[in-house]
Amino acid sequence: MNGMQIWEVNGIDDLEGTVFAQCSTKEKAEKAMKLLEKEGFEGLLVVEQSRLRFDQLIIGEKLIQL
């Protein structure tokens, strides 16, 4: 896979499907999550790697480099 990996801070439970941050490193995503937790989102977030990298899209099951 080409391109830079994207790390996301995603909501869980009632917030599932909500992306709160997209970051270039896991460390930055963890920092974003800590800041969000201080704002009342404790226990409602998870850091995950995105299925996509920068400059990619998925149509059906087909991955396309832009």
PDB file of N, CA and C in Angstrom:
ATOM      1  N   MET A   1       0.839  -1.188   0.000  1.00  0.00           N
ATOM      2  CA  MET A   1       0.000   0.000   0.000  1.00  0.00           C
ATOM      3  C   MET A   1       0.879   1.244   0.000  1.00  0.00           C
ATOM      4  N   ASN A   2       0.608   2.150  -0.888  1.00  0.00           N
ATOM      5  CA  ASN A   2       1.340   3.404  -0.939  1.00  0.00           C
ATOM      6  C   ASN A   2       0.656   4.448  -0.069  1.00  0.00           C
ATOM      7  N   GLY A   3       1.371   5.534   0.222  1.00  0.00           N
ATOM      8  CA  GLY A   3       0.772   6.643   0.946  1.00  0.00           C
ATOM      9  C   GLY A   3       0.981   6.563   2.440  1.00  0.00           C
ATOM     10  N   MET A   4       0.767   7.696   3.073  1.00  0.00           N
ATOM     11  CA  MET A   4       0.938   7.812   4.519  1.00  0.00           C
ATOM     12  C   MET A   4      -0.288   7.278   5.244  1.00  0.00           C
ATOM     13  N   GLN A   5      -0.050   6.536   6.303  1.00  0.00           N
ATOM     14  CA  GLN A   5      -1.134   5.967   7.104  1.00  0.00           C
ATOM     15  C   GLN A   5      -1.874   7.064   7.863  1.00  0.00           C
ATOM     16  N   ILE A   6      -3.161   6.900   8.027  1.00  0.00           N
ATOM     17  CA  ILE A   6      -3.999   7.831   8.776  1.00  0.00           C
ATOM     18  C   ILE A   6      -4.428   7.146  10.074  1.00  0.00           C
ATOM     19  N   TRP A   7      -4.279   7.841  11.184  1.00  0.00           N
ATOM     20  CA  TRP A   7      -4.747   7.369  12.485  1.00  0.00           C
ATOM     21  C   TRP A   7      -5.963   8.205  12.865  1.00  0.00           C
ATOM     22  N   GLU A   8      -6.999   7.554  13.353  1.00  0.00           N
ATOM     23  CA  GLU A   8      -8.235   8.243  13.694  1.00  0.00           C
ATOM     24  C   GLU A   8      -8.573   8.075  15.175  1.00  0.00           C
ATOM     25  N   VAL A   9      -9.238   9.094  15.710  1.00  0.00           N
ATOM     26  CA  VAL A   9      -9.864   8.997  17.025  1.00  0.00           C
ATOM     27  C   VAL A   9     -11.351   8.869  16.736  1.00  0.00           C
ATOM     28  N   ASN A  10     -11.891   7.679  17.019  1.00  0.00           N
ATOM     29  CA  ASN A  10     -13.274   7.361  16.691  1.00  0.00           C
ATOM     30  C   ASN A  10     -14.108   7.178  17.949  1.00  0.00           C
ATOM     31  N   GLY A  11     -15.383   7.523  17.819  1.00  0.00           N
ATOM     32  CA  GLY A  11     -16.311   7.309  18.906  1.00  0.00           C
ATOM     33  C   GLY A  11     -16.751   5.855  18.972  1.00  0.00           C
ATOM     34  N   ILE A  12     -17.105   5.403  20.167  1.00  0.00           N
ATOM     35  CA  ILE A  12     -17.646   4.054  20.360  1.00  0.00           C
ATOM     36  C   ILE A  12     -19.015   4.174  21.015  1.00  0.00           C
ATOM     37  N   ASP A  13     -19.707   3.061  21.114  1.00  0.00           N
ATOM     38  CA  ASP A  13     -21.046   2.997  21.718  1.00  0.00           C
ATOM     39  C   ASP A  13     -21.983   3.983  21.013  1.00  0.00           C
ATOM     40  N   ASP A  14     -22.568   4.916  21.727  1.00  0.00           N
ATOM     41  CA  ASP A  14     -23.514   5.871  21.130  1.00  0.00           C
ATOM     42  C   ASP A  14     -22.855   6.802  20.114  1.00  0.00           C
ATOM     43  N   LEU A  15     -21.554   6.947  20.180  1.00  0.00           N
ATOM     44  CA  LEU A  15     -20.833   7.831  19.269  1.00  0.00           C
ATOM     45  C   LEU A  15     -20.203   7.075  18.096  1.00  0.00           C
ATOM     46  N   GLU A  16     -20.526   5.781  17.955  1.00  0.00           N
ATOM     47  CA  GLU A  16     -19.961   4.983  16.877  1.00  0.00           C
ATOM     48  C   GLU A  16     -20.284   5.623  15.529  1.00  0.00           C
ATOM     49  N   GLY A  17     -19.282   5.673  14.652  1.00  0.00           N
ATOM     50  CA  GLY A  17     -19.435   6.307  13.345  1.00  0.00           C
ATOM     51  C   GLY A  17     -18.972   7.748  13.323  1.00  0.00           C
ATOM     52  N   THR A  18     -18.639   8.297  14.488  1.00  0.00           N
ATOM     53  CA  THR A  18     -18.146   9.672  14.571  1.00  0.00           C
ATOM     54  C   THR A  18     -16.626   9.663  14.617  1.00  0.00           C
ATOM     55  N   VAL A  19     -16.000  10.417  13.706  1.00  0.00           N
ATOM     56  CA  VAL A  19     -14.544  10.570  13.688  1.00  0.00           C
ATOM     57  C   VAL A  19     -14.235  11.931  14.292  1.00  0.00           C
ATOM     58  N   PHE A  20     -13.497  11.937  15.398  1.00  0.00           N
ATOM     59  CA  PHE A  20     -13.178  13.176  16.093  1.00  0.00           C
ATOM     60  C   PHE A  20     -11.861  13.788  15.635  1.00  0.00           C
ATOM     61  N   ALA A  21     -10.932  12.958  15.149  1.00  0.00           N
ATOM     62  CA  ALA A  21      -9.635  13.466  14.701  1.00  0.00           C
ATOM     63  C   ALA A  21      -9.036  12.495  13.699  1.00  0.00           C
ATOM     64  N   GLN A  22      -8.287  13.047  12.750  1.00  0.00           N
ATOM     65  CA  GLN A  22      -7.486  12.258  11.825  1.00  0.00           C
ATOM     66  C   GLN A  22      -6.066  12.791  11.920  1.00  0.00           C
ATOM     67  N   CYS A  23      -5.120  11.895  12.182  1.00  0.00           N
ATOM     68  CA  CYS A  23      -3.751  12.302  12.475  1.00  0.00           C
ATOM     69  C   CYS A  23      -2.748  11.504  11.641  1.00  0.00           C
ATOM     70  N   SER A  24      -1.549  12.053  11.527  1.00  0.00           N
ATOM     71  CA  SER A  24      -0.501  11.410  10.732  1.00  0.00           C
ATOM     72  C   SER A  24       0.293  10.376  11.524  1.00  0.00           C
ATOM     73  N   THR A  25       0.190  10.388  12.855  1.00  0.00           N
ATOM     74  CA  THR A  25       0.890   9.397  13.676  1.00  0.00           C
ATOM     75  C   THR A  25      -0.026   8.916  14.795  1.00  0.00           C
ATOM     76  N   LYS A  26       0.271   7.723  15.297  1.00  0.00           N
ATOM     77  CA  LYS A  26      -0.492   7.176  16.418  1.00  0.00           C
ATOM     78  C   LYS A  26      -0.325   8.056  17.649  1.00  0.00           C
ATOM     79  N   GLU A  27       0.880   8.584  17.844  1.00  0.00           N
ATOM     80  CA  GLU A  27       1.151   9.426  19.009  1.00  0.00           C
ATOM     81  C   GLU A  27       0.287  10.686  18.993  1.00  0.00           C
ATOM     82  N   LYS A  28       0.129  11.298  17.828  1.00  0.00           N
ATOM     83  CA  LYS A  28      -0.715  12.497  17.731  1.00  0.00           C
ATOM     84  C   LYS A  28      -2.177  12.146  17.972  1.00  0.00           C
ATOM     85  N   ALA A  29      -2.615  10.998  17.477  1.00  0.00           N
ATOM     86  CA  ALA A  29      -3.997  10.560  17.715  1.00  0.00           C
ATOM     87  C   ALA A  29      -4.234  10.320  19.201  1.00  0.00           C
ATOM     88  N   GLU A  30      -3.258   9.723  19.880  1.00  0.00           N
ATOM     89  CA  GLU A  30      -3.388   9.501  21.326  1.00  0.00           C
ATOM     90  C   GLU A  30      -3.435  10.818  22.081  1.00  0.00           C
ATOM     91  N   LYS A  31      -2.657  11.799  21.626  1.00  0.00           N
ATOM     92  CA  LYS A  31      -2.691  13.129  22.243  1.00  0.00           C
ATOM     93  C   LYS A  31      -4.065  13.773  22.028  1.00  0.00           C
ATOM     94  N   ALA A  32      -4.596  13.640  20.819  1.00  0.00           N
ATOM     95  CA  ALA A  32      -5.929  14.182  20.531  1.00  0.00           C
ATOM     96  C   ALA A  32      -6.975  13.516  21.412  1.00  0.00           C
ATOM     97  N   MET A  33      -6.867  12.204  21.580  1.00  0.00           N
ATOM     98  CA  MET A  33      -7.821  11.480  22.406  1.00  0.00           C
ATOM     99  C   MET A  33      -7.764  11.965  23.860  1.00  0.00           C
ATOM    100  N   LYS A  34      -6.571  12.183  24.378  1.00  0.00           N
ATOM    101  CA  LYS A  34      -6.443  12.680  25.758  1.00  0.00           C
ATOM    102  C   LYS A  34      -7.089  14.050  25.913  1.00  0.00           C
ATOM    103  N   LEU A  35      -6.899  14.921  24.916  1.00  0.00           N
ATOM    104  CA  LEU A  35      -7.520  16.245  24.973  1.00  0.00           C
ATOM    105  C   LEU A  35      -9.043  16.133  24.929  1.00  0.00           C
ATOM    106  N   LEU A  36      -9.558  15.246  24.093  1.00  0.00           N
ATOM    107  CA  LEU A  36     -11.005  15.036  24.014  1.00  0.00           C
ATOM    108  C   LEU A  36     -11.553  14.443  25.311  1.00  0.00           C
ATOM    109  N   GLU A  37     -10.810  13.538  25.922  1.00  0.00           N
ATOM    110  CA  GLU A  37     -11.249  12.949  27.185  1.00  0.00           C
ATOM    111  C   GLU A  37     -11.375  14.001  28.278  1.00  0.00           C
ATOM    112  N   LYS A  38     -10.476  14.990  28.264  1.00  0.00           N
ATOM    113  CA  LYS A  38     -10.558  16.086  29.240  1.00  0.00           C
ATOM    114  C   LYS A  38     -11.801  16.935  29.021  1.00  0.00           C
ATOM    115  N   GLU A  39     -12.368  16.868  27.804  1.00  0.00           N
ATOM    116  CA  GLU A  39     -13.576  17.627  27.479  1.00  0.00           C
ATOM    117  C   GLU A  39     -14.852  16.817  27.701  1.00  0.00           C
ATOM    118  N   GLY A  40     -14.726  15.669  28.362  1.00  0.00           N
ATOM    119  CA  GLY A  40     -15.905  14.907  28.730  1.00  0.00           C
ATOM    120  C   GLY A  40     -16.156  13.644  27.912  1.00  0.00           C
ATOM    121  N   PHE A  41     -15.233  13.249  27.064  1.00  0.00           N
ATOM    122  CA  PHE A  41     -15.423  12.069  26.220  1.00  0.00           C
ATOM    123  C   PHE A  41     -14.700  10.837  26.752  1.00  0.00           C
ATOM    124  N   GLU A  42     -14.354  10.840  28.032  1.00  0.00           N
ATOM    125  CA  GLU A  42     -13.623   9.709  28.614  1.00  0.00           C
ATOM    126  C   GLU A  42     -14.418   8.412  28.490  1.00  0.00           C
ATOM    127  N   GLY A  43     -13.745   7.370  28.029  1.00  0.00           N
ATOM    128  CA  GLY A  43     -14.374   6.066  27.870  1.00  0.00           C
ATOM    129  C   GLY A  43     -15.241   5.929  26.632  1.00  0.00           C
ATOM    130  N   LEU A  44     -15.263   6.958  25.786  1.00  0.00           N
ATOM    131  CA  LEU A  44     -16.118   6.951  24.600  1.00  0.00           C
ATOM    132  C   LEU A  44     -15.337   6.978  23.294  1.00  0.00           C
ATOM    133  N   LEU A  45     -13.995   6.847  23.379  1.00  0.00           N
ATOM    134  CA  LEU A  45     -13.153   6.998  22.199  1.00  0.00           C
ATOM    135  C   LEU A  45     -12.164   5.852  22.069  1.00  0.00           C
ATOM    136  N   VAL A  46     -11.694   5.647  20.834  1.00  0.00           N
ATOM    137  CA  VAL A  46     -10.675   4.657  20.554  1.00  0.00           C
ATOM    138  C   VAL A  46      -9.789   5.184  19.425  1.00  0.00           C
ATOM    139  N   VAL A  47      -8.496   4.854  19.479  1.00  0.00           N
ATOM    140  CA  VAL A  47      -7.560   5.202  18.409  1.00  0.00           C
ATOM    141  C   VAL A  47      -7.443   3.987  17.490  1.00  0.00           C
ATOM    142  N   GLU A  48      -7.635   4.208  16.189  1.00  0.00           N
ATOM    143  CA  GLU A  48      -7.573   3.133  15.206  1.00  0.00           C
ATOM    144  C   GLU A  48      -6.880   3.612  13.937  1.00  0.00           C
ATOM    145  N   GLN A  49      -6.261   2.671  13.221  1.00  0.00           N
ATOM    146  CA  GLN A  49      -5.732   2.981  11.898  1.00  0.00           C
ATOM    147  C   GLN A  49      -6.890   2.994  10.919  1.00  0.00           C
ATOM    148  N   SER A  50      -6.877   3.970  10.028  1.00  0.00           N
ATOM    149  CA  SER A  50      -7.881   4.031   8.983  1.00  0.00           C
ATOM    150  C   SER A  50      -7.656   2.916   7.971  1.00  0.00           C
ATOM    151  N   ARG A  51      -8.715   2.463   7.349  1.00  0.00           N
ATOM    152  CA  ARG A  51      -8.594   1.489   6.254  1.00  0.00           C
ATOM    153  C   ARG A  51      -7.887   2.125   5.059  1.00  0.00           C
ATOM    154  N   LEU A  52      -7.985   3.437   4.941  1.00  0.00           N
ATOM    155  CA  LEU A  52      -7.400   4.166   3.824  1.00  0.00           C
ATOM    156  C   LEU A  52      -6.130   4.882   4.235  1.00  0.00           C
ATOM    157  N   ARG A  53      -5.312   5.157   3.263  1.00  0.00           N
ATOM    158  CA  ARG A  53      -4.173   6.052   3.435  1.00  0.00           C
ATOM    159  C   ARG A  53      -4.483   7.323   2.679  1.00  0.00           C
ATOM    160  N   PHE A  54      -3.623   8.343   2.832  1.00  0.00           N
ATOM    161  CA  PHE A  54      -3.836   9.583   2.094  1.00  0.00           C
ATOM    162  C   PHE A  54      -3.847   9.292   0.600  1.00  0.00           C
ATOM    163  N   ASP A  55      -4.658  10.034  -0.119  1.00  0.00           N
ATOM    164  CA  ASP A  55      -4.740   9.964  -1.575  1.00  0.00           C
ATOM    165  C   ASP A  55      -5.208   8.607  -2.082  1.00  0.00           C
ATOM    166  N   GLN A  56      -6.160   8.008  -1.384  1.00  0.00           N
ATOM    167  CA  GLN A  56      -6.777   6.754  -1.813  1.00  0.00           C
ATOM    168  C   GLN A  56      -8.285   6.859  -1.669  1.00  0.00           C
ATOM    169  N   LEU A  57      -8.986   6.058  -2.443  1.00  0.00           N
ATOM    170  CA  LEU A  57     -10.410   5.903  -2.233  1.00  0.00           C
ATOM    171  C   LEU A  57     -10.797   4.467  -2.516  1.00  0.00           C
ATOM    172  N   ILE A  58     -11.923   4.066  -1.943  1.00  0.00           N
ATOM    173  CA  ILE A  58     -12.433   2.716  -2.160  1.00  0.00           C
ATOM    174  C   ILE A  58     -13.792   2.829  -2.821  1.00  0.00           C
ATOM    175  N   ILE A  59     -13.953   2.118  -3.931  1.00  0.00           N
ATOM    176  CA  ILE A  59     -15.252   1.991  -4.593  1.00  0.00           C
ATOM    177  C   ILE A  59     -15.568   0.505  -4.597  1.00  0.00           C
ATOM    178  N   GLY A  60     -16.587   0.130  -3.854  1.00  0.00           N
ATOM    179  CA  GLY A  60     -16.880  -1.281  -3.666  1.00  0.00           C
ATOM    180  C   GLY A  60     -15.712  -1.911  -2.908  1.00  0.00           C
ATOM    181  N   GLU A  61     -15.071  -2.887  -3.491  1.00  0.00           N
ATOM    182  CA  GLU A  61     -13.887  -3.512  -2.888  1.00  0.00           C
ATOM    183  C   GLU A  61     -12.603  -3.066  -3.584  1.00  0.00           C
ATOM    184  N   LYS A  62     -12.729  -2.131  -4.539  1.00  0.00           N
ATOM    185  CA  LYS A  62     -11.578  -1.704  -5.343  1.00  0.00           C
ATOM    186  C   LYS A  62     -10.875  -0.493  -4.701  1.00  0.00           C
ATOM    187  N   LEU A  63      -9.588  -0.632  -4.425  1.00  0.00           N
ATOM    188  CA  LEU A  63      -8.770   0.457  -3.874  1.00  0.00           C
ATOM    189  C   LEU A  63      -8.128   1.220  -5.029  1.00  0.00           C
ATOM    190  N   ILE A  64      -8.294   2.529  -5.043  1.00  0.00           N
ATOM    191  CA  ILE A  64      -7.800   3.379  -6.132  1.00  0.00           C
ATOM    192  C   ILE A  64      -6.822   4.404  -5.564  1.00  0.00           C
ATOM    193  N   GLN A  65      -5.615   4.449  -6.145  1.00  0.00           N
ATOM    194  CA  GLN A  65      -4.618   5.457  -5.805  1.00  0.00           C
ATOM    195  C   GLN A  65      -4.913   6.716  -6.608  1.00  0.00           C
ATOM    196  N   LEU A  66      -4.948   7.855  -5.955  1.00  0.00           N
ATOM    197  CA  LEU A  66      -5.198   9.128  -6.650  1.00  0.00           C
ATOM    198  C   LEU A  66      -3.893   9.779  -7.062  1.00  0.00           C
TER     199      LEU A  66
END
